[in-house]
């Protein structure tokens, strides 16, 4: 299994550029880009969890083509992704609460 980190690509840099402030005419551009990136990240977390679940089932069924090590790595990746998503959600809820408690 390949455990190398992937380098920054033009696609990755394009995703980072989506977080820049929108031009004067693009009123909701940054919010929409953030929402799209958040949806994509949550989709990736869900995909990792589904893959880990599939590998667990295969190991339990005794499939010789699926190793226990591969399954454990997939489970850890899914767990780390879920924890990251949970931290992002908690930060967003805290930011929303802070903004709502501001006096106008």
N, C-alpha and C. Protein backbone atom coordinates (compact mmCIF):
# COMPACT_ATOMS: atom_id res chain seq x y z
N UNK A 1 0.84 -1.18 0.00
CA UNK A 1 0.00 0.00 0.00
C UNK A 1 0.88 1.24 0.00
N UNK A 2 0.54 2.23 -0.79
CA UNK A 2 1.32 3.45 -0.94
C UNK A 2 0.96 4.41 0.19
N UNK A 3 1.93 4.76 1.02
CA UNK A 3 1.69 5.63 2.16
C UNK A 3 2.34 7.01 1.99
N UNK A 4 2.75 7.35 0.77
CA UNK A 4 3.41 8.63 0.55
C UNK A 4 2.39 9.76 0.53
N UNK A 5 2.82 10.94 0.96
CA UNK A 5 1.98 12.13 0.87
C UNK A 5 2.04 12.66 -0.55
N UNK A 6 0.91 13.07 -1.05
CA UNK A 6 0.90 13.59 -2.41
C UNK A 6 1.34 15.05 -2.42
N UNK A 7 2.11 15.46 -3.41
CA UNK A 7 2.58 16.85 -3.47
C UNK A 7 1.45 17.78 -3.89
N UNK A 8 1.67 19.06 -3.69
CA UNK A 8 0.69 20.04 -4.13
C UNK A 8 0.63 20.05 -5.65
N UNK A 9 -0.56 20.01 -6.17
CA UNK A 9 -0.75 20.04 -7.62
C UNK A 9 -1.51 21.31 -7.97
N UNK A 10 -1.67 21.55 -9.25
CA UNK A 10 -2.42 22.72 -9.67
C UNK A 10 -3.88 22.63 -9.23
N UNK A 11 -4.41 21.42 -9.17
CA UNK A 11 -5.79 21.25 -8.71
C UNK A 11 -5.90 21.61 -7.24
N UNK A 12 -4.95 21.17 -6.44
CA UNK A 12 -4.94 21.50 -5.02
C UNK A 12 -4.82 23.00 -4.82
N UNK A 13 -3.92 23.61 -5.58
CA UNK A 13 -3.75 25.05 -5.48
C UNK A 13 -4.99 25.79 -5.96
N UNK A 14 -5.70 25.22 -6.92
CA UNK A 14 -6.95 25.82 -7.37
C UNK A 14 -7.99 25.80 -6.28
N UNK A 15 -8.03 24.73 -5.49
CA UNK A 15 -8.96 24.66 -4.37
C UNK A 15 -8.62 25.69 -3.31
N UNK A 16 -7.33 25.92 -3.08
CA UNK A 16 -6.92 26.92 -2.11
C UNK A 16 -7.29 28.31 -2.63
N UNK A 17 -7.13 28.53 -3.92
CA UNK A 17 -7.47 29.83 -4.51
C UNK A 17 -8.96 30.12 -4.39
N UNK A 18 -9.79 29.10 -4.28
CA UNK A 18 -11.23 29.31 -4.16
C UNK A 18 -11.59 30.00 -2.85
N UNK A 19 -10.69 29.97 -1.86
CA UNK A 19 -10.97 30.61 -0.59
C UNK A 19 -10.65 32.10 -0.59
N UNK A 20 -10.07 32.61 -1.67
CA UNK A 20 -9.76 34.03 -1.75
C UNK A 20 -11.05 34.83 -1.80
N UNK A 21 -10.95 36.09 -1.45
CA UNK A 21 -12.13 36.94 -1.47
C UNK A 21 -12.65 37.08 -2.90
N UNK A 22 -13.98 37.07 -3.05
CA UNK A 22 -14.55 37.19 -4.39
C UNK A 22 -14.41 38.63 -4.91
N UNK A 23 -14.51 38.77 -6.22
CA UNK A 23 -14.48 40.09 -6.83
C UNK A 23 -15.74 40.84 -6.43
N UNK A 24 -15.79 42.13 -6.70
CA UNK A 24 -16.92 42.95 -6.28
C UNK A 24 -18.24 42.44 -6.85
N UNK A 25 -18.24 41.87 -8.03
CA UNK A 25 -19.47 41.40 -8.65
C UNK A 25 -19.89 40.02 -8.22
N UNK A 26 -19.02 39.27 -7.57
CA UNK A 26 -19.34 37.90 -7.18
C UNK A 26 -19.69 37.87 -5.69
N UNK A 27 -20.93 38.19 -5.37
CA UNK A 27 -21.34 38.38 -3.97
C UNK A 27 -21.21 37.11 -3.14
N UNK A 28 -21.65 35.96 -3.61
CA UNK A 28 -21.61 34.76 -2.78
C UNK A 28 -20.57 33.76 -3.21
N UNK A 29 -19.59 34.17 -3.98
CA UNK A 29 -18.60 33.26 -4.55
C UNK A 29 -17.80 32.50 -3.52
N UNK A 30 -17.28 33.19 -2.51
CA UNK A 30 -16.43 32.54 -1.51
C UNK A 30 -17.25 31.58 -0.65
N UNK A 31 -18.48 31.99 -0.30
CA UNK A 31 -19.33 31.12 0.50
C UNK A 31 -19.69 29.84 -0.24
N UNK A 32 -19.96 29.97 -1.51
CA UNK A 32 -20.30 28.79 -2.32
C UNK A 32 -19.08 27.89 -2.49
N UNK A 33 -17.91 28.50 -2.69
CA UNK A 33 -16.69 27.70 -2.83
C UNK A 33 -16.38 26.97 -1.53
N UNK A 34 -16.57 27.64 -0.40
CA UNK A 34 -16.33 27.01 0.89
C UNK A 34 -17.30 25.85 1.09
N UNK A 35 -18.57 26.07 0.76
CA UNK A 35 -19.57 25.01 0.92
C UNK A 35 -19.24 23.82 0.03
N UNK A 36 -18.81 24.08 -1.20
CA UNK A 36 -18.46 22.99 -2.12
C UNK A 36 -17.26 22.21 -1.60
N UNK A 37 -16.26 22.92 -1.09
CA UNK A 37 -15.07 22.24 -0.56
C UNK A 37 -15.42 21.45 0.69
N UNK A 38 -16.31 21.98 1.52
CA UNK A 38 -16.73 21.26 2.72
C UNK A 38 -17.50 20.00 2.35
N UNK A 39 -18.38 20.10 1.37
CA UNK A 39 -19.12 18.92 0.90
C UNK A 39 -18.18 17.87 0.35
N UNK A 40 -17.19 18.31 -0.41
CA UNK A 40 -16.22 17.36 -0.99
C UNK A 40 -15.42 16.68 0.11
N UNK A 41 -15.03 17.43 1.13
CA UNK A 41 -14.27 16.85 2.23
C UNK A 41 -15.12 15.84 3.00
N UNK A 42 -16.38 16.18 3.25
CA UNK A 42 -17.26 15.24 3.95
C UNK A 42 -17.52 13.99 3.11
N UNK A 43 -17.59 14.18 1.81
CA UNK A 43 -17.77 13.02 0.92
C UNK A 43 -16.55 12.10 1.01
N UNK A 44 -15.36 12.68 1.06
CA UNK A 44 -14.13 11.88 1.17
C UNK A 44 -14.09 11.13 2.50
N UNK A 45 -14.54 11.77 3.58
CA UNK A 45 -14.58 11.10 4.89
C UNK A 45 -15.55 9.93 4.84
N UNK A 46 -16.71 10.16 4.24
CA UNK A 46 -17.70 9.09 4.12
C UNK A 46 -17.17 7.94 3.28
N UNK A 47 -16.47 8.27 2.20
CA UNK A 47 -15.89 7.24 1.33
C UNK A 47 -14.84 6.42 2.08
N UNK A 48 -14.03 7.08 2.89
CA UNK A 48 -13.00 6.38 3.68
C UNK A 48 -13.66 5.45 4.70
N UNK A 49 -14.74 5.90 5.32
CA UNK A 49 -15.44 5.06 6.29
C UNK A 49 -16.09 3.85 5.61
N UNK A 50 -16.65 4.07 4.45
CA UNK A 50 -17.26 2.95 3.72
C UNK A 50 -16.21 1.93 3.29
N UNK A 51 -15.06 2.42 2.85
CA UNK A 51 -13.97 1.53 2.44
C UNK A 51 -13.45 0.72 3.63
N UNK A 52 -13.29 1.38 4.78
CA UNK A 52 -12.84 0.68 5.99
C UNK A 52 -13.86 -0.38 6.40
N UNK A 53 -15.11 -0.06 6.31
CA UNK A 53 -16.17 -1.01 6.65
C UNK A 53 -16.16 -2.21 5.70
N UNK A 54 -15.97 -1.92 4.41
CA UNK A 54 -15.91 -3.00 3.42
C UNK A 54 -14.72 -3.92 3.69
N UNK A 55 -13.57 -3.34 3.99
CA UNK A 55 -12.39 -4.14 4.27
C UNK A 55 -12.56 -4.96 5.55
N UNK A 56 -13.22 -4.40 6.56
CA UNK A 56 -13.48 -5.15 7.79
C UNK A 56 -14.33 -6.37 7.50
N UNK A 57 -15.35 -6.17 6.68
CA UNK A 57 -16.23 -7.28 6.32
C UNK A 57 -15.46 -8.36 5.57
N UNK A 58 -14.60 -7.94 4.64
CA UNK A 58 -13.81 -8.90 3.88
C UNK A 58 -12.87 -9.70 4.78
N UNK A 59 -12.25 -9.03 5.75
CA UNK A 59 -11.36 -9.74 6.68
C UNK A 59 -12.15 -10.73 7.52
N UNK A 60 -13.33 -10.32 7.98
CA UNK A 60 -14.16 -11.21 8.79
C UNK A 60 -14.63 -12.42 8.01
N UNK A 61 -14.84 -12.23 6.71
CA UNK A 61 -15.27 -13.35 5.87
C UNK A 61 -14.10 -14.25 5.46
N UNK A 62 -12.88 -13.84 5.80
CA UNK A 62 -11.71 -14.66 5.51
C UNK A 62 -11.16 -14.53 4.12
N UNK A 63 -11.37 -13.39 3.47
CA UNK A 63 -10.85 -13.16 2.13
C UNK A 63 -9.32 -13.08 2.20
N UNK A 64 -8.61 -13.99 1.52
CA UNK A 64 -7.14 -13.98 1.59
C UNK A 64 -6.50 -12.81 0.85
N UNK A 65 -7.25 -12.13 -0.01
CA UNK A 65 -6.71 -11.01 -0.78
C UNK A 65 -6.68 -9.71 0.04
N UNK A 66 -7.35 -9.69 1.18
CA UNK A 66 -7.39 -8.48 2.01
C UNK A 66 -6.59 -8.74 3.28
N UNK A 67 -5.58 -7.93 3.50
CA UNK A 67 -4.73 -8.13 4.68
C UNK A 67 -5.27 -7.37 5.87
N UNK A 68 -4.95 -7.86 7.03
CA UNK A 68 -5.36 -7.20 8.27
C UNK A 68 -4.68 -5.84 8.39
N UNK A 69 -3.44 -5.74 7.95
CA UNK A 69 -2.71 -4.48 8.02
C UNK A 69 -3.38 -3.40 7.18
N UNK A 70 -3.77 -3.79 5.96
CA UNK A 70 -4.45 -2.85 5.07
C UNK A 70 -5.76 -2.38 5.69
N UNK A 71 -6.47 -3.31 6.33
CA UNK A 71 -7.73 -2.98 6.97
C UNK A 71 -7.53 -2.02 8.14
N UNK A 72 -6.52 -2.27 8.95
CA UNK A 72 -6.26 -1.42 10.10
C UNK A 72 -5.85 -0.01 9.65
N UNK A 73 -5.07 0.10 8.59
CA UNK A 73 -4.68 1.41 8.07
C UNK A 73 -5.91 2.15 7.56
N UNK A 74 -6.79 1.46 6.84
CA UNK A 74 -8.01 2.10 6.34
C UNK A 74 -8.89 2.57 7.49
N UNK A 75 -8.96 1.78 8.57
CA UNK A 75 -9.75 2.17 9.73
C UNK A 75 -9.16 3.42 10.40
N UNK A 76 -7.84 3.48 10.49
CA UNK A 76 -7.20 4.65 11.10
C UNK A 76 -7.41 5.90 10.23
N UNK A 77 -7.31 5.74 8.92
CA UNK A 77 -7.55 6.88 8.02
C UNK A 77 -8.99 7.38 8.19
N UNK A 78 -9.94 6.47 8.27
CA UNK A 78 -11.34 6.86 8.44
C UNK A 78 -11.54 7.55 9.78
N UNK A 79 -10.90 7.05 10.82
CA UNK A 79 -11.04 7.65 12.14
C UNK A 79 -10.44 9.06 12.18
N UNK A 80 -9.27 9.22 11.59
CA UNK A 80 -8.64 10.54 11.56
C UNK A 80 -9.46 11.53 10.75
N UNK A 81 -10.00 11.08 9.62
CA UNK A 81 -10.86 11.94 8.81
C UNK A 81 -12.10 12.36 9.55
N UNK A 82 -12.72 11.42 10.27
CA UNK A 82 -13.92 11.74 11.03
C UNK A 82 -13.60 12.72 12.15
N UNK A 83 -12.50 12.50 12.87
CA UNK A 83 -12.12 13.41 13.95
C UNK A 83 -11.83 14.81 13.41
N UNK A 84 -11.20 14.89 12.26
CA UNK A 84 -10.93 16.19 11.65
C UNK A 84 -12.23 16.90 11.29
N UNK A 85 -13.15 16.17 10.69
CA UNK A 85 -14.45 16.75 10.33
C UNK A 85 -15.19 17.21 11.58
N UNK A 86 -15.10 16.44 12.64
CA UNK A 86 -15.76 16.81 13.89
C UNK A 86 -15.15 18.09 14.47
N UNK A 87 -13.83 18.22 14.41
CA UNK A 87 -13.18 19.44 14.90
C UNK A 87 -13.58 20.65 14.06
N UNK A 88 -13.66 20.48 12.75
CA UNK A 88 -14.08 21.59 11.89
C UNK A 88 -15.51 22.00 12.23
N UNK A 89 -16.38 21.01 12.41
CA UNK A 89 -17.76 21.32 12.77
C UNK A 89 -17.83 22.08 14.10
N UNK A 90 -17.07 21.62 15.09
CA UNK A 90 -17.08 22.29 16.39
C UNK A 90 -16.57 23.72 16.29
N UNK A 91 -15.54 23.93 15.47
CA UNK A 91 -15.03 25.30 15.27
C UNK A 91 -16.06 26.18 14.58
N UNK A 92 -16.77 25.62 13.61
CA UNK A 92 -17.79 26.40 12.90
C UNK A 92 -18.95 26.76 13.83
N UNK A 93 -19.37 25.82 14.66
CA UNK A 93 -20.44 26.10 15.61
C UNK A 93 -20.00 27.16 16.60
N UNK A 94 -18.76 27.07 17.07
CA UNK A 94 -18.25 28.08 18.01
C UNK A 94 -18.18 29.45 17.35
N UNK A 95 -17.73 29.51 16.09
CA UNK A 95 -17.66 30.78 15.37
C UNK A 95 -19.06 31.36 15.19
N UNK A 96 -20.03 30.52 14.85
CA UNK A 96 -21.41 30.97 14.69
C UNK A 96 -21.94 31.52 16.01
N UNK A 97 -21.66 30.81 17.11
CA UNK A 97 -22.11 31.25 18.42
C UNK A 97 -21.47 32.60 18.78
N UNK A 98 -20.19 32.74 18.50
CA UNK A 98 -19.51 34.01 18.78
C UNK A 98 -20.10 35.16 18.00
N UNK A 99 -20.39 34.93 16.72
CA UNK A 99 -20.98 35.98 15.89
C UNK A 99 -22.38 36.33 16.39
N UNK A 100 -23.16 35.33 16.75
CA UNK A 100 -24.52 35.60 17.21
C UNK A 100 -24.56 36.32 18.56
N UNK A 101 -23.52 36.14 19.37
CA UNK A 101 -23.46 36.80 20.68
C UNK A 101 -22.85 38.19 20.63
N UNK A 102 -22.40 38.63 19.45
CA UNK A 102 -21.84 39.96 19.32
C UNK A 102 -22.95 41.00 19.45
N UNK A 103 -22.63 42.07 20.14
CA UNK A 103 -23.62 43.16 20.24
C UNK A 103 -23.54 44.02 18.98
N UNK A 104 -24.70 44.44 18.54
CA UNK A 104 -24.76 45.22 17.29
C UNK A 104 -24.81 46.69 17.58
